[in-house]
Amino acid sequence: MDVPDDPPVECPVCETAYDSVSVHEEGVMVNLLDNDRYRRVCFEPTTRGGRSVMRFYHHTHEQTDADGERTDGSQADATADSEPGG
């Protein structure tokens, strides 16, 4: 796991505040069923140094709720598309 040098202010996937971001070059496993700290993790495929990597944006329970609602009360757009905002 690595941390990006230029993390965005908001998660580019759901446009919501996040607690932390990590970059992974190899396989990972995600289980949030019993996670006391994080409610949701958004995944953003990107490249770094010519290599494919995956950025993980970690959202706490306070930053989102079970219905996908943002902390400002608006509904997050749940799309199956891998491009941010679309």
N, C-alpha and C. Protein backbone atom coordinates (compact mmCIF):
# COMPACT_ATOMS: atom_id res chain seq x y z
N MET A 1 0.84 -1.18 0.00
CA MET A 1 0.00 0.00 0.00
C MET A 1 0.88 1.24 0.00
N ASP A 2 0.40 2.27 -0.70
CA ASP A 2 1.12 3.53 -0.81
C ASP A 2 0.09 4.65 -0.72
N VAL A 3 0.55 5.87 -0.46
CA VAL A 3 -0.32 7.03 -0.40
C VAL A 3 0.06 7.96 -1.55
N PRO A 4 -0.90 8.48 -2.32
CA PRO A 4 -0.57 9.34 -3.45
C PRO A 4 0.02 10.67 -3.01
N ASP A 5 0.86 11.25 -3.86
CA ASP A 5 1.46 12.55 -3.57
C ASP A 5 0.47 13.69 -3.75
N ASP A 6 -0.55 13.49 -4.58
CA ASP A 6 -1.48 14.55 -4.93
C ASP A 6 -2.94 14.13 -4.72
N PRO A 7 -3.33 13.80 -3.49
CA PRO A 7 -4.70 13.34 -3.27
C PRO A 7 -5.72 14.45 -3.51
N PRO A 8 -6.87 14.13 -4.11
CA PRO A 8 -7.91 15.14 -4.32
C PRO A 8 -8.59 15.51 -3.01
N VAL A 9 -9.27 16.64 -2.99
CA VAL A 9 -9.96 17.11 -1.80
C VAL A 9 -11.17 16.23 -1.49
N GLU A 10 -11.93 15.84 -2.54
CA GLU A 10 -13.08 14.95 -2.39
C GLU A 10 -12.84 13.68 -3.19
N CYS A 11 -13.54 12.63 -2.84
CA CYS A 11 -13.47 11.37 -3.58
C CYS A 11 -13.98 11.62 -5.00
N PRO A 12 -13.21 11.29 -6.03
CA PRO A 12 -13.65 11.51 -7.41
C PRO A 12 -14.75 10.55 -7.85
N VAL A 13 -14.98 9.49 -7.10
CA VAL A 13 -16.00 8.51 -7.45
C VAL A 13 -17.38 8.96 -6.99
N CYS A 14 -17.50 9.36 -5.71
CA CYS A 14 -18.81 9.74 -5.16
C CYS A 14 -18.89 11.20 -4.74
N GLU A 15 -17.81 11.96 -4.97
CA GLU A 15 -17.76 13.39 -4.68
C GLU A 15 -18.12 13.71 -3.22
N THR A 16 -17.59 12.89 -2.30
CA THR A 16 -17.84 13.03 -0.87
C THR A 16 -16.51 13.08 -0.13
N ALA A 17 -16.50 13.70 1.04
CA ALA A 17 -15.29 13.72 1.87
C ALA A 17 -14.87 12.29 2.19
N TYR A 18 -13.57 12.08 2.36
CA TYR A 18 -13.06 10.76 2.72
C TYR A 18 -12.03 10.90 3.81
N ASP A 19 -11.79 9.81 4.52
CA ASP A 19 -10.86 9.81 5.64
C ASP A 19 -9.42 9.66 5.18
N SER A 20 -9.18 8.75 4.24
CA SER A 20 -7.83 8.50 3.74
C SER A 20 -7.92 7.90 2.35
N VAL A 21 -6.79 7.91 1.65
CA VAL A 21 -6.70 7.31 0.32
C VAL A 21 -5.42 6.50 0.26
N SER A 22 -5.49 5.34 -0.40
CA SER A 22 -4.30 4.51 -0.56
C SER A 22 -4.22 4.04 -2.00
N VAL A 23 -3.02 3.72 -2.45
CA VAL A 23 -2.79 3.25 -3.81
C VAL A 23 -2.25 1.83 -3.75
N HIS A 24 -2.83 0.93 -4.55
CA HIS A 24 -2.45 -0.48 -4.53
C HIS A 24 -2.05 -0.93 -5.93
N GLU A 25 -0.91 -1.59 -6.04
CA GLU A 25 -0.42 -2.11 -7.31
C GLU A 25 -0.70 -3.60 -7.47
N GLU A 26 -1.05 -4.26 -6.38
CA GLU A 26 -1.27 -5.71 -6.42
C GLU A 26 -2.65 -6.02 -5.86
N GLY A 27 -3.00 -7.28 -5.82
CA GLY A 27 -4.31 -7.71 -5.35
C GLY A 27 -4.59 -7.32 -3.91
N VAL A 28 -5.85 -7.08 -3.63
CA VAL A 28 -6.30 -6.73 -2.29
C VAL A 28 -7.62 -7.44 -2.01
N MET A 29 -7.99 -7.50 -0.74
CA MET A 29 -9.27 -8.03 -0.34
C MET A 29 -9.97 -6.96 0.50
N VAL A 30 -11.27 -6.77 0.27
CA VAL A 30 -12.02 -5.77 0.99
C VAL A 30 -13.21 -6.44 1.67
N ASN A 31 -13.33 -6.27 2.98
CA ASN A 31 -14.46 -6.78 3.75
C ASN A 31 -14.89 -5.67 4.69
N LEU A 32 -16.05 -5.06 4.43
CA LEU A 32 -16.53 -3.98 5.28
C LEU A 32 -17.72 -4.40 6.13
N LEU A 33 -18.05 -5.67 6.13
CA LEU A 33 -19.21 -6.14 6.88
C LEU A 33 -19.09 -5.85 8.37
N ASP A 34 -17.93 -6.05 8.92
CA ASP A 34 -17.72 -5.88 10.36
C ASP A 34 -16.67 -4.81 10.64
N ASN A 35 -16.60 -3.79 9.80
CA ASN A 35 -15.58 -2.77 9.94
C ASN A 35 -16.08 -1.64 10.83
N ASP A 36 -15.41 -1.43 11.96
CA ASP A 36 -15.81 -0.38 12.90
C ASP A 36 -15.44 1.01 12.43
N ARG A 37 -14.47 1.11 11.53
CA ARG A 37 -13.97 2.43 11.13
C ARG A 37 -14.57 2.92 9.82
N TYR A 38 -14.65 2.05 8.79
CA TYR A 38 -15.09 2.49 7.47
C TYR A 38 -16.42 1.87 7.07
N ARG A 39 -17.28 2.69 6.47
CA ARG A 39 -18.58 2.25 5.96
C ARG A 39 -18.46 1.88 4.48
N ARG A 40 -17.66 2.66 3.73
CA ARG A 40 -17.58 2.45 2.28
C ARG A 40 -16.16 2.73 1.81
N VAL A 41 -15.74 2.03 0.77
CA VAL A 41 -14.49 2.30 0.08
C VAL A 41 -14.81 2.43 -1.40
N CYS A 42 -14.43 3.54 -2.01
CA CYS A 42 -14.60 3.74 -3.45
C CYS A 42 -13.30 3.38 -4.14
N PHE A 43 -13.39 2.81 -5.33
CA PHE A 43 -12.23 2.36 -6.07
C PHE A 43 -12.09 3.17 -7.35
N GLU A 44 -10.89 3.70 -7.60
CA GLU A 44 -10.63 4.48 -8.81
C GLU A 44 -9.42 3.90 -9.54
N PRO A 45 -9.64 3.28 -10.71
CA PRO A 45 -8.50 2.80 -11.50
C PRO A 45 -7.76 4.00 -12.08
N THR A 46 -6.43 3.97 -12.03
CA THR A 46 -5.62 5.05 -12.56
C THR A 46 -4.25 4.48 -12.93
N THR A 47 -3.33 5.33 -13.32
CA THR A 47 -1.97 4.88 -13.62
C THR A 47 -0.99 5.75 -12.85
N ARG A 48 0.18 5.17 -12.59
CA ARG A 48 1.26 5.90 -11.93
C ARG A 48 2.56 5.33 -12.49
N GLY A 49 3.36 6.21 -13.06
CA GLY A 49 4.63 5.77 -13.63
C GLY A 49 4.45 4.73 -14.74
N GLY A 50 3.36 4.85 -15.51
CA GLY A 50 3.11 3.91 -16.59
C GLY A 50 2.52 2.58 -16.16
N ARG A 51 2.28 2.40 -14.87
CA ARG A 51 1.70 1.14 -14.35
C ARG A 51 0.26 1.37 -13.91
N SER A 52 -0.57 0.38 -14.11
CA SER A 52 -1.95 0.43 -13.63
C SER A 52 -1.97 0.26 -12.13
N VAL A 53 -2.70 1.14 -11.45
CA VAL A 53 -2.87 1.06 -10.00
C VAL A 53 -4.34 1.33 -9.67
N MET A 54 -4.71 1.04 -8.44
CA MET A 54 -6.07 1.28 -7.98
C MET A 54 -5.99 2.17 -6.74
N ARG A 55 -6.70 3.30 -6.76
CA ARG A 55 -6.80 4.15 -5.58
C ARG A 55 -8.04 3.75 -4.79
N PHE A 56 -7.90 3.63 -3.50
CA PHE A 56 -9.01 3.31 -2.59
C PHE A 56 -9.28 4.55 -1.74
N TYR A 57 -10.51 5.03 -1.76
CA TYR A 57 -10.94 6.16 -0.94
C TYR A 57 -11.77 5.61 0.21
N HIS A 58 -11.30 5.78 1.43
CA HIS A 58 -11.92 5.19 2.62
C HIS A 58 -12.85 6.19 3.29
N HIS A 59 -14.15 5.86 3.36
CA HIS A 59 -15.17 6.72 3.95
C HIS A 59 -15.60 6.16 5.30
N THR A 60 -15.59 7.01 6.32
CA THR A 60 -16.01 6.59 7.66
C THR A 60 -17.54 6.50 7.73
N HIS A 61 -18.04 5.93 8.79
CA HIS A 61 -19.49 5.84 9.02
C HIS A 61 -20.10 7.24 9.08
N GLU A 62 -19.38 8.19 9.65
CA GLU A 62 -19.88 9.55 9.76
C GLU A 62 -19.93 10.27 8.41
N GLN A 63 -19.07 9.87 7.47
CA GLN A 63 -19.03 10.52 6.17
C GLN A 63 -20.10 10.02 5.22
N THR A 64 -20.71 8.90 5.53
CA THR A 64 -21.77 8.35 4.68
C THR A 64 -22.68 7.50 5.55
N ASP A 65 -23.86 7.22 5.05
CA ASP A 65 -24.75 6.33 5.79
C ASP A 65 -25.07 5.12 4.93
N ALA A 66 -25.82 4.20 5.43
CA ALA A 66 -26.10 2.93 4.73
C ALA A 66 -26.86 3.12 3.43
N ASP A 67 -27.57 4.24 3.26
CA ASP A 67 -28.35 4.47 2.05
C ASP A 67 -27.56 5.19 0.97
N GLY A 68 -26.27 5.41 1.19
CA GLY A 68 -25.45 6.10 0.20
C GLY A 68 -25.62 7.60 0.22
N GLU A 69 -26.23 8.13 1.27
CA GLU A 69 -26.45 9.55 1.37
C GLU A 69 -25.17 10.26 1.79
N ARG A 70 -24.90 11.40 1.18
CA ARG A 70 -23.75 12.20 1.56
C ARG A 70 -24.02 12.89 2.88
N THR A 71 -22.97 13.37 3.50
CA THR A 71 -23.13 14.03 4.79
C THR A 71 -23.89 15.35 4.66
N ASP A 72 -23.97 15.94 3.45
CA ASP A 72 -24.74 17.18 3.26
C ASP A 72 -26.21 16.90 2.98
N GLY A 73 -26.62 15.62 2.99
CA GLY A 73 -28.01 15.26 2.80
C GLY A 73 -28.39 14.93 1.38
N SER A 74 -27.51 15.20 0.39
CA SER A 74 -27.83 14.87 -0.99
C SER A 74 -27.53 13.40 -1.26
N GLN A 75 -28.13 12.86 -2.30
CA GLN A 75 -27.97 11.45 -2.64
C GLN A 75 -26.76 11.28 -3.55
N ALA A 76 -25.87 10.34 -3.24
CA ALA A 76 -24.73 10.03 -4.09
C ALA A 76 -25.21 9.32 -5.33
N ASP A 77 -24.64 9.62 -6.49
CA ASP A 77 -25.00 8.98 -7.74
C ASP A 77 -24.34 7.63 -7.81
N ALA A 78 -25.11 6.56 -7.82
CA ALA A 78 -24.58 5.20 -7.85
C ALA A 78 -24.59 4.70 -9.28
N THR A 79 -23.46 4.84 -9.99
CA THR A 79 -23.36 4.36 -11.36
C THR A 79 -22.42 3.17 -11.41
N ALA A 80 -22.60 2.33 -12.42
CA ALA A 80 -21.73 1.18 -12.61
C ALA A 80 -20.53 1.54 -13.45
N ASP A 81 -20.50 2.75 -13.98
CA ASP A 81 -19.43 3.19 -14.85
C ASP A 81 -18.18 3.46 -14.02
N SER A 82 -17.01 3.16 -14.57
CA SER A 82 -15.77 3.34 -13.82
C SER A 82 -15.22 4.76 -13.92
N GLU A 83 -15.81 5.61 -14.78
CA GLU A 83 -15.33 6.96 -14.92
C GLU A 83 -15.97 7.87 -13.85
N PRO A 84 -15.17 8.70 -13.18
CA PRO A 84 -15.73 9.61 -12.19
C PRO A 84 -16.78 10.51 -12.82
N GLY A 85 -17.91 10.66 -12.15
CA GLY A 85 -18.97 11.53 -12.62
C GLY A 85 -19.78 10.96 -13.76
N GLY A 86 -19.59 9.71 -14.15
CA GLY A 86 -20.35 9.22 -15.30
C GLY A 86 -20.42 7.82 -15.32
